C-alpha atoms as a PDB file:
ATOM      1  CA  UNK A   1      97.366  81.201  80.735  1.00  0.00           C
ATOM      2  CA  UNK A   2      95.917  80.280  84.103  1.00  0.00           C
ATOM      3  CA  UNK A   3      92.287  81.153  84.633  1.00  0.00           C
ATOM      4  CA  UNK A   4      93.335  82.380  88.085  1.00  0.00           C
ATOM      5  CA  UNK A   5      94.713  85.486  86.355  1.00  0.00           C
ATOM      6  CA  UNK A   6      91.165  86.632  85.682  1.00  0.00           C
ATOM      7  CA  UNK A   7      88.825  88.584  87.885  1.00  0.00           C
ATOM      8  CA  UNK A   8      85.252  87.338  87.924  1.00  0.00           C
ATOM      9  CA  UNK A   9      84.231  90.336  85.817  1.00  0.00           C
ATOM     10  CA  UNK A  10      86.865  89.466  83.219  1.00  0.00           C
ATOM     11  CA  UNK A  11      85.697  85.856  83.210  1.00  0.00           C
ATOM     12  CA  UNK A  12      82.085  86.942  82.751  1.00  0.00           C
ATOM     13  CA  UNK A  13      83.153  88.605  79.513  1.00  0.00           C
ATOM     14  CA  UNK A  14      84.748  85.346  78.327  1.00  0.00           C
ATOM     15  CA  UNK A  15      82.041  82.769  79.017  1.00  0.00           C
ATOM     16  CA  UNK A  16      78.403  82.615  77.986  1.00  0.00           C
ATOM     17  CA  UNK A  17      76.057  82.860  79.695  1.00  0.00           C
ATOM     18  CA  UNK A  18      77.971  85.100  82.094  1.00  0.00           C
ATOM     19  CA  UNK A  19      76.603  83.412  85.239  1.00  0.00           C
ATOM     20  CA  UNK A  20      78.935  80.509  84.440  1.00  0.00           C
ATOM     21  CA  UNK A  21      81.789  82.673  85.709  1.00  0.00           C
ATOM     22  CA  UNK A  22      80.324  82.565  89.214  1.00  0.00           C
ATOM     23  CA  UNK A  23      80.047  78.780  89.017  1.00  0.00           C
ATOM     24  CA  UNK A  24      83.650  78.439  87.852  1.00  0.00           C
ATOM     25  CA  UNK A  25      84.855  80.731  90.647  1.00  0.00           C
ATOM     26  CA  UNK A  26      82.971  78.701  93.238  1.00  0.00           C
ATOM     27  CA  UNK A  27      84.372  75.406  91.962  1.00  0.00           C
ATOM     28  CA  UNK A  28      87.936  76.675  92.122  1.00  0.00           C
ATOM     29  CA  UNK A  29      88.009  78.896  95.179  1.00  0.00           C
ATOM     30  CA  UNK A  30      85.351  77.273  97.358  1.00  0.00           C
ATOM     31  CA  UNK A  31      85.609  73.601  96.372  1.00  0.00           C
ATOM     32  CA  UNK A  32      89.334  73.537  95.513  1.00  0.00           C
ATOM     33  CA  UNK A  33      88.620  71.846  92.187  1.00  0.00           C
ATOM     34  CA  UNK A  34      91.545  72.285  89.794  1.00  0.00           C
ATOM     35  CA  UNK A  35      90.173  70.356  86.813  1.00  0.00           C
ATOM     36  CA  UNK A  36      87.497  71.691  84.477  1.00  0.00           C
ATOM     37  CA  UNK A  37      86.304  68.122  83.866  1.00  0.00           C
ATOM     38  CA  UNK A  38      85.152  67.919  87.486  1.00  0.00           C
ATOM     39  CA  UNK A  39      82.953  71.034  87.231  1.00  0.00           C
ATOM     40  CA  UNK A  40      79.856  68.950  86.665  1.00  0.00           C
ATOM     41  CA  UNK A  41      77.286  71.743  86.503  1.00  0.00           C
ATOM     42  CA  UNK A  42      79.021  73.181  83.436  1.00  0.00           C
ATOM     43  CA  UNK A  43      78.081  71.935  79.952  1.00  0.00           C
ATOM     44  CA  UNK A  44      80.572  69.497  78.443  1.00  0.00           C
ATOM     45  CA  UNK A  45      81.184  71.858  75.553  1.00  0.00           C
ATOM     46  CA  UNK A  46      82.164  74.670  77.937  1.00  0.00           C
ATOM     47  CA  UNK A  47      84.410  72.367  79.962  1.00  0.00           C
ATOM     48  CA  UNK A  48      86.183  71.326  76.769  1.00  0.00           C
ATOM     49  CA  UNK A  49      86.574  74.928  75.650  1.00  0.00           C
ATOM     50  CA  UNK A  50      87.971  76.005  79.015  1.00  0.00           C
ATOM     51  CA  UNK A  51      90.415  73.086  79.051  1.00  0.00           C
ATOM     52  CA  UNK A  52      91.759  74.132  75.668  1.00  0.00           C
ATOM     53  CA  UNK A  53      92.159  77.802  76.559  1.00  0.00           C
ATOM     54  CA  UNK A  54      93.240  77.776  80.206  1.00  0.00           C
ATOM     55  CA  UNK A  55      95.083  75.927  82.901  1.00  0.00           C
ATOM     56  CA  UNK A  56      94.007  76.283  86.532  1.00  0.00           C
ATOM     57  CA  UNK A  57      96.744  75.668  89.073  1.00  0.00           C
ATOM     58  CA  UNK A  58     100.037  77.227  87.913  1.00  0.00           C
ATOM     59  CA  UNK A  59     102.049  75.909  90.863  1.00  0.00           C
ATOM     60  CA  UNK A  60     103.408  72.546  91.908  1.00  0.00           C
ATOM     61  CA  UNK A  61     105.052  71.691  95.201  1.00  0.00           C
ATOM     62  CA  UNK A  62     108.774  71.008  95.080  1.00  0.00           C
ATOM     63  CA  UNK A  63     109.495  70.898  98.781  1.00  0.00           C
ATOM     64  CA  UNK A  64     107.815  71.497 102.134  1.00  0.00           C
ATOM     65  CA  UNK A  65     109.583  72.090 105.423  1.00  0.00           C
ATOM     66  CA  UNK A  66     107.535  71.913 108.629  1.00  0.00           C
ATOM     67  CA  UNK A  67     108.731  73.402 111.873  1.00  0.00           C
ATOM     68  CA  UNK A  68     108.096  72.106 115.356  1.00  0.00           C
ATOM     69  CA  UNK A  69     106.008  75.242 115.934  1.00  0.00           C
ATOM     70  CA  UNK A  70     103.620  74.233 113.119  1.00  0.00           C
ATOM     71  CA  UNK A  71     104.764  76.740 110.515  1.00  0.00           C
ATOM     72  CA  UNK A  72     105.328  75.392 107.011  1.00  0.00           C
ATOM     73  CA  UNK A  73     107.528  76.731 104.261  1.00  0.00           C
ATOM     74  CA  UNK A  74     106.704  75.811 100.673  1.00  0.00           C
ATOM     75  CA  UNK A  75     108.940  75.872  97.646  1.00  0.00           C
ATOM     76  CA  UNK A  76     106.718  76.069  94.573  1.00  0.00           C
ATOM     77  CA  UNK A  77     107.642  75.637  90.918  1.00  0.00           C
ATOM     78  CA  UNK A  78     105.880  77.862  88.399  1.00  0.00           C
ATOM     79  CA  UNK A  79     104.866  76.718  84.935  1.00  0.00           C
ATOM     80  CA  UNK A  80     108.171  78.005  83.517  1.00  0.00           C
ATOM     81  CA  UNK A  81     110.022  76.026  86.246  1.00  0.00           C
ATOM     82  CA  UNK A  82     111.128  79.118  88.137  1.00  0.00           C
ATOM     83  CA  UNK A  83     110.671  78.821  91.899  1.00  0.00           C
ATOM     84  CA  UNK A  84     109.118  80.897  94.678  1.00  0.00           C
ATOM     85  CA  UNK A  85     108.511  80.493  98.407  1.00  0.00           C
ATOM     86  CA  UNK A  86     105.377  80.843 100.531  1.00  0.00           C
ATOM     87  CA  UNK A  87     104.829  80.349 104.248  1.00  0.00           C
ATOM     88  CA  UNK A  88     101.886  79.135 106.344  1.00  0.00           C
ATOM     89  CA  UNK A  89     101.941  80.456 109.906  1.00  0.00           C
ATOM     90  CA  UNK A  90      99.506  79.202 112.565  1.00  0.00           C
ATOM     91  CA  UNK A  91      99.044  82.353 114.626  1.00  0.00           C
ATOM     92  CA  UNK A  92      96.613  80.979 117.190  1.00  0.00           C
ATOM     93  CA  UNK A  93      95.857  77.289 117.633  1.00  0.00           C
ATOM     94  CA  UNK A  94      92.329  75.948 117.940  1.00  0.00           C
ATOM     95  CA  UNK A  95      90.854  75.921 121.444  1.00  0.00           C
ATOM     96  CA  UNK A  96      88.298  73.619 123.074  1.00  0.00           C
ATOM     97  CA  UNK A  97      86.205  74.079 126.202  1.00  0.00           C
ATOM     98  CA  UNK A  98      85.998  71.565 129.052  1.00  0.00           C
ATOM     99  CA  UNK A  99      83.255  69.667 127.198  1.00  0.00           C
ATOM    100  CA  UNK A 100      85.429  69.199 124.149  1.00  0.00           C
ATOM    101  CA  UNK A 101      83.515  71.749 122.090  1.00  0.00           C
ATOM    102  CA  UNK A 102      85.677  73.841 119.777  1.00  0.00           C
ATOM    103  CA  UNK A 103      85.740  77.474 120.878  1.00  0.00           C
ATOM    104  CA  UNK A 104      88.167  78.841 118.295  1.00  0.00           C
ATOM    105  CA  UNK A 105      89.494  77.519 115.010  1.00  0.00           C
ATOM    106  CA  UNK A 106      93.189  77.792 114.236  1.00  0.00           C
ATOM    107  CA  UNK A 107      93.980  81.210 112.843  1.00  0.00           C
ATOM    108  CA  UNK A 108      96.426  81.319 109.964  1.00  0.00           C
ATOM    109  CA  UNK A 109      98.536  83.885 108.188  1.00  0.00           C
ATOM    110  CA  UNK A 110      99.900  83.088 104.738  1.00  0.00           C
ATOM    111  CA  UNK A 111     102.928  85.007 103.490  1.00  0.00           C
ATOM    112  CA  UNK A 112     103.153  85.072  99.707  1.00  0.00           C
ATOM    113  CA  UNK A 113     105.777  86.060  97.161  1.00  0.00           C
ATOM    114  CA  UNK A 114     105.135  88.745  94.562  1.00  0.00           C
ATOM    115  CA  UNK A 115     108.192  88.307  92.334  1.00  0.00           C
ATOM    116  CA  UNK A 116     110.775  85.763  91.273  1.00  0.00           C
ATOM    117  CA  UNK A 117     113.816  87.377  92.800  1.00  0.00           C
ATOM    118  CA  UNK A 118     113.889  91.025  93.813  1.00  0.00           C
ATOM    119  CA  UNK A 119     115.371  94.327  92.628  1.00  0.00           C
ATOM    120  CA  UNK A 120     115.709  95.928  96.053  1.00  0.00           C
ATOM    121  CA  UNK A 121     118.919  94.183  97.139  1.00  0.00           C
ATOM    122  CA  UNK A 122     118.607  94.448 100.928  1.00  0.00           C
ATOM    123  CA  UNK A 123     121.884  93.492 102.585  1.00  0.00           C
ATOM    124  CA  UNK A 124     120.213  91.106 105.045  1.00  0.00           C
ATOM    125  CA  UNK A 125     118.031  89.249 102.518  1.00  0.00           C
ATOM    126  CA  UNK A 126     118.891  86.153 100.492  1.00  0.00           C
ATOM    127  CA  UNK A 127     116.230  86.734  97.833  1.00  0.00           C
ATOM    128  CA  UNK A 128     117.874  89.771  96.292  1.00  0.00           C
ATOM    129  CA  UNK A 129     121.232  88.011  95.967  1.00  0.00           C
ATOM    130  CA  UNK A 130     119.766  85.923  93.130  1.00  0.00           C
ATOM    131  CA  UNK A 131     118.747  89.055  91.245  1.00  0.00           C
ATOM    132  CA  UNK A 132     115.376  89.895  89.722  1.00  0.00           C
ATOM    133  CA  UNK A 133     113.839  87.539  87.163  1.00  0.00           C
ATOM    134  CA  UNK A 134     110.192  88.522  86.669  1.00  0.00           C
ATOM    135  CA  UNK A 135     106.945  89.615  88.270  1.00  0.00           C
ATOM    136  CA  UNK A 136     104.342  87.086  89.275  1.00  0.00           C
ATOM    137  CA  UNK A 137     100.952  87.311  87.601  1.00  0.00           C
ATOM    138  CA  UNK A 138      97.816  87.899  89.661  1.00  0.00           C
ATOM    139  CA  UNK A 139      96.972  84.223  89.235  1.00  0.00           C
ATOM    140  CA  UNK A 140     100.379  83.120  90.522  1.00  0.00           C
ATOM    141  CA  UNK A 141      99.794  85.314  93.554  1.00  0.00           C
ATOM    142  CA  UNK A 142      96.336  83.957  94.310  1.00  0.00           C
ATOM    143  CA  UNK A 143      97.432  80.379  93.608  1.00  0.00           C
ATOM    144  CA  UNK A 144      99.799  80.450  96.584  1.00  0.00           C
ATOM    145  CA  UNK A 145      96.974  80.983  99.064  1.00  0.00           C
ATOM    146  CA  UNK A 146      94.574  78.700  97.227  1.00  0.00           C
ATOM    147  CA  UNK A 147      96.969  75.761  97.075  1.00  0.00           C
ATOM    148  CA  UNK A 148      98.152  76.146 100.678  1.00  0.00           C
ATOM    149  CA  UNK A 149      94.546  76.172 101.883  1.00  0.00           C
ATOM    150  CA  UNK A 150      93.796  73.055  99.856  1.00  0.00           C
ATOM    151  CA  UNK A 151      96.941  71.201 100.968  1.00  0.00           C
ATOM    152  CA  UNK A 152      96.177  71.912 104.623  1.00  0.00           C
ATOM    153  CA  UNK A 153      92.439  71.182 104.380  1.00  0.00           C
ATOM    154  CA  UNK A 154      91.594  74.715 105.521  1.00  0.00           C
ATOM    155  CA  UNK A 155      87.923  75.042 104.739  1.00  0.00           C
ATOM    156  CA  UNK A 156      87.006  77.717 102.223  1.00  0.00           C
ATOM    157  CA  UNK A 157      84.812  79.384 104.844  1.00  0.00           C
ATOM    158  CA  UNK A 158      87.808  79.808 107.152  1.00  0.00           C
ATOM    159  CA  UNK A 159      89.332  83.201 106.537  1.00  0.00           C
ATOM    160  CA  UNK A 160      93.091  83.620 106.608  1.00  0.00           C
ATOM    161  CA  UNK A 161      95.278  86.686 106.791  1.00  0.00           C
ATOM    162  CA  UNK A 162      97.436  87.378 103.757  1.00  0.00           C
ATOM    163  CA  UNK A 163     100.721  89.227 103.903  1.00  0.00           C
ATOM    164  CA  UNK A 164     102.518  90.184 100.710  1.00  0.00           C
ATOM    165  CA  UNK A 165     105.976  89.842 102.183  1.00  0.00           C
ATOM    166  CA  UNK A 166     107.619  86.776 100.685  1.00  0.00           C
ATOM    167  CA  UNK A 167     110.089  87.032  97.832  1.00  0.00           C
ATOM    168  CA  UNK A 168     110.024  90.335  95.975  1.00  0.00           C
ATOM    169  CA  UNK A 169     108.786  93.887  96.518  1.00  0.00           C
ATOM    170  CA  UNK A 170     104.964  93.959  96.156  1.00  0.00           C
ATOM    171  CA  UNK A 171     104.750  97.590  95.068  1.00  0.00           C
ATOM    172  CA  UNK A 172     107.283  96.898  92.324  1.00  0.00           C
ATOM    173  CA  UNK A 173     104.619  94.557  90.910  1.00  0.00           C
ATOM    174  CA  UNK A 174     101.872  97.068  91.559  1.00  0.00           C
ATOM    175  CA  UNK A 175      99.181  96.181  89.013  1.00  0.00           C
ATOM    176  CA  UNK A 176      99.236  92.425  89.622  1.00  0.00           C
ATOM    177  CA  UNK A 177      99.264  92.819  93.407  1.00  0.00           C
ATOM    178  CA  UNK A 178      96.299  95.204  93.345  1.00  0.00           C
ATOM    179  CA  UNK A 179      94.464  92.833  90.996  1.00  0.00           C
ATOM    180  CA  UNK A 180      95.163  89.926  93.364  1.00  0.00           C
ATOM    181  CA  UNK A 181      93.722  91.925  96.274  1.00  0.00           C
ATOM    182  CA  UNK A 182      90.458  92.156  94.353  1.00  0.00           C
ATOM    183  CA  UNK A 183      90.440  88.488  93.343  1.00  0.00           C
ATOM    184  CA  UNK A 184      91.072  87.390  96.929  1.00  0.00           C
ATOM    185  CA  UNK A 185      88.205  89.515  98.200  1.00  0.00           C
ATOM    186  CA  UNK A 186      85.579  88.339  95.676  1.00  0.00           C
ATOM    187  CA  UNK A 187      82.540  86.988  97.525  1.00  0.00           C
ATOM    188  CA  UNK A 188      82.348  83.998  95.180  1.00  0.00           C
ATOM    189  CA  UNK A 189      86.039  83.288  95.619  1.00  0.00           C
ATOM    190  CA  UNK A 190      88.123  83.120  98.786  1.00  0.00           C
ATOM    191  CA  UNK A 191      86.196  86.108 100.176  1.00  0.00           C
ATOM    192  CA  UNK A 192      89.193  87.487 102.068  1.00  0.00           C
ATOM    193  CA  UNK A 193      88.522  91.115 102.911  1.00  0.00           C
ATOM    194  CA  UNK A 194      91.201  93.689 102.015  1.00  0.00           C
ATOM    195  CA  UNK A 195      91.300  94.416 105.759  1.00  0.00           C
ATOM    196  CA  UNK A 196      92.831  90.944 106.150  1.00  0.00           C
ATOM    197  CA  UNK A 197      95.455  91.679 103.511  1.00  0.00           C
ATOM    198  CA  UNK A 198      98.680  93.499 104.313  1.00  0.00           C
ATOM    199  CA  UNK A 199     101.081  94.816 101.716  1.00  0.00           C
ATOM    200  CA  UNK A 200     104.593  94.953 103.113  1.00  0.00           C
ATOM    201  CA  UNK A 201     106.852  97.342 101.248  1.00  0.00           C
ATOM    202  CA  UNK A 202     110.454  98.424 101.504  1.00  0.00           C
ATOM    203  CA  UNK A 203     109.200 101.966 101.109  1.00  0.00           C
ATOM    204  CA  UNK A 204     108.589 102.966  97.486  1.00  0.00           C
ATOM    205  CA  UNK A 205     106.927 106.188  98.563  1.00  0.00           C
ATOM    206  CA  UNK A 206     105.534 107.100  95.115  1.00  0.00           C
ATOM    207  CA  UNK A 207     103.737 103.739  94.959  1.00  0.00           C
ATOM    208  CA  UNK A 208     102.497 104.135  98.542  1.00  0.00           C
ATOM    209  CA  UNK A 209     100.910 107.405  97.402  1.00  0.00           C
ATOM    210  CA  UNK A 210      99.369 105.678  94.374  1.00  0.00           C
ATOM    211  CA  UNK A 211      98.005 102.811  96.479  1.00  0.00           C
ATOM    212  CA  UNK A 212      96.595 105.245  99.005  1.00  0.00           C
ATOM    213  CA  UNK A 213      94.697 107.181  96.349  1.00  0.00           C
ATOM    214  CA  UNK A 214      93.084 103.937  95.151  1.00  0.00           C
ATOM    215  CA  UNK A 215      91.786 103.365  98.700  1.00  0.00           C
ATOM    216  CA  UNK A 216      91.629  99.591  98.281  1.00  0.00           C
ATOM    217  CA  UNK A 217      91.209  99.000 102.013  1.00  0.00           C
ATOM    218  CA  UNK A 218      94.396  96.959 102.379  1.00  0.00           C
ATOM    219  CA  UNK A 219      96.658  97.386 105.373  1.00  0.00           C
ATOM    220  CA  UNK A 220     100.134  98.793 105.005  1.00  0.00           C
ATOM    221  CA  UNK A 221     103.378  97.545 106.508  1.00  0.00           C
ATOM    222  CA  UNK A 222     106.639  99.414 106.106  1.00  0.00           C
ATOM    223  CA  UNK A 223     109.948  97.575 106.263  1.00  0.00           C
ATOM    224  CA  UNK A 224     111.798 100.321 108.086  1.00  0.00           C
ATOM    225  CA  UNK A 225     114.695  98.525 109.820  1.00  0.00           C
ATOM    226  CA  UNK A 226     116.632 101.686 110.661  1.00  0.00           C
ATOM    227  CA  UNK A 227     116.015 105.161 112.063  1.00  0.00           C
ATOM    228  CA  UNK A 228     118.514 107.203 110.052  1.00  0.00           C
ATOM    229  CA  UNK A 229     119.234 107.366 106.333  1.00  0.00           C
ATOM    230  CA  UNK A 230     122.880 106.397 106.658  1.00  0.00           C
ATOM    231  CA  UNK A 231     122.166 103.083 108.378  1.00  0.00           C
ATOM    232  CA  UNK A 232     119.108 102.355 106.271  1.00  0.00           C
ATOM    233  CA  UNK A 233     120.969 102.985 103.012  1.00  0.00           C
ATOM    234  CA  UNK A 234     123.571 100.413 104.051  1.00  0.00           C
ATOM    235  CA  UNK A 235     120.882  97.856 104.814  1.00  0.00           C
ATOM    236  CA  UNK A 236     118.507  98.844 102.011  1.00  0.00           C
ATOM    237  CA  UNK A 237     119.992 100.585  98.941  1.00  0.00           C
ATOM    238  CA  UNK A 238     116.488 101.706  97.923  1.00  0.00           C
ATOM    239  CA  UNK A 239     116.747 104.314 100.678  1.00  0.00           C
ATOM    240  CA  UNK A 240     118.933 106.368  98.332  1.00  0.00           C
ATOM    241  CA  UNK A 241     115.920 106.842  96.047  1.00  0.00           C
ATOM    242  CA  UNK A 242     113.207 106.857  98.724  1.00  0.00           C
ATOM    243  CA  UNK A 243     114.576 108.193 101.974  1.00  0.00           C
ATOM    244  CA  UNK A 244     112.931 107.936 105.373  1.00  0.00           C
ATOM    245  CA  UNK A 245     111.309 111.379 105.211  1.00  0.00           C
ATOM    246  CA  UNK A 246     109.589 110.572 101.883  1.00  0.00           C
ATOM    247  CA  UNK A 247     108.257 107.334 103.366  1.00  0.00           C
ATOM    248  CA  UNK A 248     106.935 109.021 106.505  1.00  0.00           C
ATOM    249  CA  UNK A 249     105.221 111.689 104.366  1.00  0.00           C
ATOM    250  CA  UNK A 250     103.550 109.011 102.191  1.00  0.00           C
ATOM    251  CA  UNK A 251     102.437 107.027 105.238  1.00  0.00           C
ATOM    252  CA  UNK A 252     100.844 110.063 106.855  1.00  0.00           C
ATOM    253  CA  UNK A 253      98.711 110.530 103.731  1.00  0.00           C
ATOM    254  CA  UNK A 254      97.732 106.856 103.476  1.00  0.00           C
ATOM    255  CA  UNK A 255      94.066 106.105 104.350  1.00  0.00           C
ATOM    256  CA  UNK A 256      93.823 103.759 107.325  1.00  0.00           C
ATOM    257  CA  UNK A 257      90.718 102.262 108.910  1.00  0.00           C
ATOM    258  CA  UNK A 258      90.054 103.989 112.243  1.00  0.00           C
ATOM    259  CA  UNK A 259      90.468 100.638 114.023  1.00  0.00           C
ATOM    260  CA  UNK A 260      93.780  99.851 112.350  1.00  0.00           C
ATOM    261  CA  UNK A 261      97.370 101.055 112.467  1.00  0.00           C
ATOM    262  CA  UNK A 262     100.257 101.301 110.031  1.00  0.00           C
ATOM    263  CA  UNK A 263     102.678  98.525 110.847  1.00  0.00           C
ATOM    264  CA  UNK A 264     106.367  99.334 110.887  1.00  0.00           C
ATOM    265  CA  UNK A 265     108.542  96.260 110.637  1.00  0.00           C
ATOM    266  CA  UNK A 266     111.905  96.611 112.308  1.00  0.00           C
ATOM    267  CA  UNK A 267     114.405  93.813 111.788  1.00  0.00           C
ATOM    268  CA  UNK A 268     116.638  93.896 114.843  1.00  0.00           C
ATOM    269  CA  UNK A 269     120.270  93.151 114.018  1.00  0.00           C
ATOM    270  CA  UNK A 270     122.938  92.837 116.667  1.00  0.00           C
ATOM    271  CA  UNK A 271     125.172  95.918 116.965  1.00  0.00           C
ATOM    272  CA  UNK A 272     123.526  97.551 113.938  1.00  0.00           C
ATOM    273  CA  UNK A 273     120.153  98.916 115.047  1.00  0.00           C
ATOM    274  CA  UNK A 274     119.446  97.354 118.456  1.00  0.00           C
ATOM    275  CA  UNK A 275     120.536 100.177 120.772  1.00  0.00           C
ATOM    276  CA  UNK A 276     118.333 102.273 123.026  1.00  0.00           C
ATOM    277  CA  UNK A 277     119.556 105.291 121.071  1.00  0.00           C
ATOM    278  CA  UNK A 278     117.854 103.801 117.998  1.00  0.00           C
ATOM    279  CA  UNK A 279     114.711 103.233 120.059  1.00  0.00           C
ATOM    280  CA  UNK A 280     114.675 106.905 121.091  1.00  0.00           C
ATOM    281  CA  UNK A 281     115.023 108.031 117.464  1.00  0.00           C
ATOM    282  CA  UNK A 282     112.224 105.667 116.415  1.00  0.00           C
ATOM    283  CA  UNK A 283     109.806 107.182 118.938  1.00  0.00           C
ATOM    284  CA  UNK A 284     110.576 110.642 117.586  1.00  0.00           C
ATOM    285  CA  UNK A 285     110.360 109.525 113.942  1.00  0.00           C
ATOM    286  CA  UNK A 286     106.892 107.979 114.271  1.00  0.00           C
ATOM    287  CA  UNK A 287     105.416 110.768 116.370  1.00  0.00           C
ATOM    288  CA  UNK A 288     102.011 111.741 114.962  1.00  0.00           C
ATOM    289  CA  UNK A 289     101.439 108.450 113.134  1.00  0.00           C
ATOM    290  CA  UNK A 290      98.934 105.859 114.323  1.00  0.00           C
ATOM    291  CA  UNK A 291     101.622 103.231 114.273  1.00  0.00           C
ATOM    292  CA  UNK A 292     102.501  99.820 115.576  1.00  0.00           C
ATOM    293  CA  UNK A 293     106.081  98.583 115.588  1.00  0.00           C
ATOM    294  CA  UNK A 294     106.811  94.917 115.103  1.00  0.00           C
ATOM    295  CA  UNK A 295     110.310  93.999 116.216  1.00  0.00           C
ATOM    296  CA  UNK A 296     111.684  91.012 114.328  1.00  0.00           C
ATOM    297  CA  UNK A 297     114.705  88.994 115.335  1.00  0.00           C
ATOM    298  CA  UNK A 298     117.164  88.664 112.473  1.00  0.00           C
ATOM    299  CA  UNK A 299     117.167  85.032 111.292  1.00  0.00           C
ATOM    300  CA  UNK A 300     120.769  83.990 110.576  1.00  0.00           C
ATOM    301  CA  UNK A 301     121.454  82.314 107.240  1.00  0.00           C
ATOM    302  CA  UNK A 302     124.438  81.005 105.336  1.00  0.00           C
ATOM    303  CA  UNK A 303     126.937  83.662 104.321  1.00  0.00           C
ATOM    304  CA  UNK A 304     125.343  86.500 106.272  1.00  0.00           C
ATOM    305  CA  UNK A 305     127.548  89.057 107.997  1.00  0.00           C
ATOM    306  CA  UNK A 306     124.760  89.921 110.447  1.00  0.00           C
ATOM    307  CA  UNK A 307     123.980  88.334 113.802  1.00  0.00           C
ATOM    308  CA  UNK A 308     120.845  87.670 115.816  1.00  0.00           C
ATOM    309  CA  UNK A 309     120.356  90.170 118.660  1.00  0.00           C
ATOM    310  CA  UNK A 310     120.112  89.141 122.293  1.00  0.00           C
ATOM    311  CA  UNK A 311     116.698  88.682 123.876  1.00  0.00           C
ATOM    312  CA  UNK A 312     117.727  91.166 126.567  1.00  0.00           C
ATOM    313  CA  UNK A 313     118.418  93.942 124.042  1.00  0.00           C
ATOM    314  CA  UNK A 314     115.208  93.318 122.092  1.00  0.00           C
ATOM    315  CA  UNK A 315     113.166  93.305 125.317  1.00  0.00           C
ATOM    316  CA  UNK A 316     114.753  96.598 126.403  1.00  0.00           C
ATOM    317  CA  UNK A 317     114.069  98.120 122.969  1.00  0.00           C
ATOM    318  CA  UNK A 318     110.408  97.052 123.104  1.00  0.00           C
ATOM    319  CA  UNK A 319     109.976  98.239 126.678  1.00  0.00           C
ATOM    320  CA  UNK A 320     111.310 101.678 125.784  1.00  0.00           C
ATOM    321  CA  UNK A 321     108.893 102.065 122.854  1.00  0.00           C
ATOM    322  CA  UNK A 322     105.875 100.931 124.861  1.00  0.00           C
ATOM    323  CA  UNK A 323     106.770 103.139 127.837  1.00  0.00           C
ATOM    324  CA  UNK A 324     106.888 106.137 125.513  1.00  0.00           C
ATOM    325  CA  UNK A 325     103.458 105.554 123.972  1.00  0.00           C
ATOM    326  CA  UNK A 326     104.508 103.704 120.825  1.00  0.00           C
ATOM    327  CA  UNK A 327     102.703 100.380 120.571  1.00  0.00           C
ATOM    328  CA  UNK A 328     105.271  97.654 120.071  1.00  0.00           C
ATOM    329  CA  UNK A 329     105.235  93.887 119.811  1.00  0.00           C
ATOM    330  CA  UNK A 330     108.033  91.394 119.346  1.00  0.00           C
ATOM    331  CA  UNK A 331     107.382  88.869 116.620  1.00  0.00           C
ATOM    332  CA  UNK A 332     107.825  85.398 117.976  1.00  0.00           C
ATOM    333  CA  UNK A 333     110.380  83.775 115.724  1.00  0.00           C
ATOM    334  CA  UNK A 334     108.967  80.833 113.827  1.00  0.00           C
ATOM    335  CA  UNK A 335     110.630  78.180 111.748  1.00  0.00           C
ATOM    336  CA  UNK A 336     114.113  78.534 113.218  1.00  0.00           C
ATOM    337  CA  UNK A 337     114.567  74.774 112.812  1.00  0.00           C
ATOM    338  CA  UNK A 338     113.788  75.008 109.080  1.00  0.00           C
ATOM    339  CA  UNK A 339     114.795  77.371 106.236  1.00  0.00           C
ATOM    340  CA  UNK A 340     113.163  80.353 107.886  1.00  0.00           C
ATOM    341  CA  UNK A 341     114.960  83.217 106.161  1.00  0.00           C
ATOM    342  CA  UNK A 342     113.327  84.530 102.993  1.00  0.00           C
ATOM    343  CA  UNK A 343     114.928  82.867  99.968  1.00  0.00           C
ATOM    344  CA  UNK A 344     116.742  80.262 102.056  1.00  0.00           C
ATOM    345  CA  UNK A 345     114.764  77.218 100.908  1.00  0.00           C
ATOM    346  CA  UNK A 346     115.078  78.314  97.278  1.00  0.00           C
ATOM    347  CA  UNK A 347     118.835  78.866  97.634  1.00  0.00           C
ATOM    348  CA  UNK A 348     119.346  75.474  99.282  1.00  0.00           C
ATOM    349  CA  UNK A 349     117.561  73.669  96.456  1.00  0.00           C
ATOM    350  CA  UNK A 350     119.572  75.561  93.851  1.00  0.00           C
ATOM    351  CA  UNK A 351     122.772  74.522  95.634  1.00  0.00           C
ATOM    352  CA  UNK A 352     121.609  70.890  95.705  1.00  0.00           C
ATOM    353  CA  UNK A 353     121.002  70.961  91.950  1.00  0.00           C
ATOM    354  CA  UNK A 354     124.244  72.747  91.130  1.00  0.00           C
END
């Protein structure tokens, strides 16, 4: 078992005196120390006991691909040798004034996986084609951010944004994802506020309701990708169980900070959902919701039947939404020169080993 699976409160119940839990948390999450032997303010006897009972870092790097735009995609091996992907995205580069003084640090978003494989089976996604294997533990979730910060020398005091939108459906691994939210936000750990954490879901409306009632403070992103049930069911079979109306109803009941919006992710696919008619339906669908739409260019990958839309069509789609009062942005595609599509790096390695 990795000690990263434990909240600080759980660890306090395991070690004596309980204040040692705070010290352990600070060594791991603030100093990036992954060996109990190096935790020098702990008694030797406690270090030996911890080493016998727990591991720390449950991941090891198998492969890293770095794009010209600075984004990095990681293929990690878990302790059982299964593999997952995570992505580091530099959202805003550091800036200096004319005197060479740093004005802004680089701002990062880290996209993390929640499962090995996925049950949802979206037609456009590589991850689901490998089937579902297992859920990640809370420690395997937190380890992705922790290790990426350490590997990139991102100081512990530098906050990052976390998006649960790698491999897997986060709300299908509900308990471990919610536990990870709490571990990330611990003041003696990475201290990443829930307001900097976004759970991206394919729309399991019953779990959206459950998450909303817990009022964790996390942000919500809905992978919508279509404006009618017929199209969405073809792209996302889960729509047969949780249709668009059930999702919209759950979103309207979800507690959102007054300064925030619910993000609707819309993967734009050529000749599937990129028409102005779809844009008109989307405006009507999201009426009454404090929403933001993020248009995403489909990233082509091996064996896909879908194509990347034209810049002209995406620009027209975005312009229509914005002109009709629906806040819309177009995600700048990153990592097109590497294995950008979710599951692509994993699939390529599996093919190499086959």
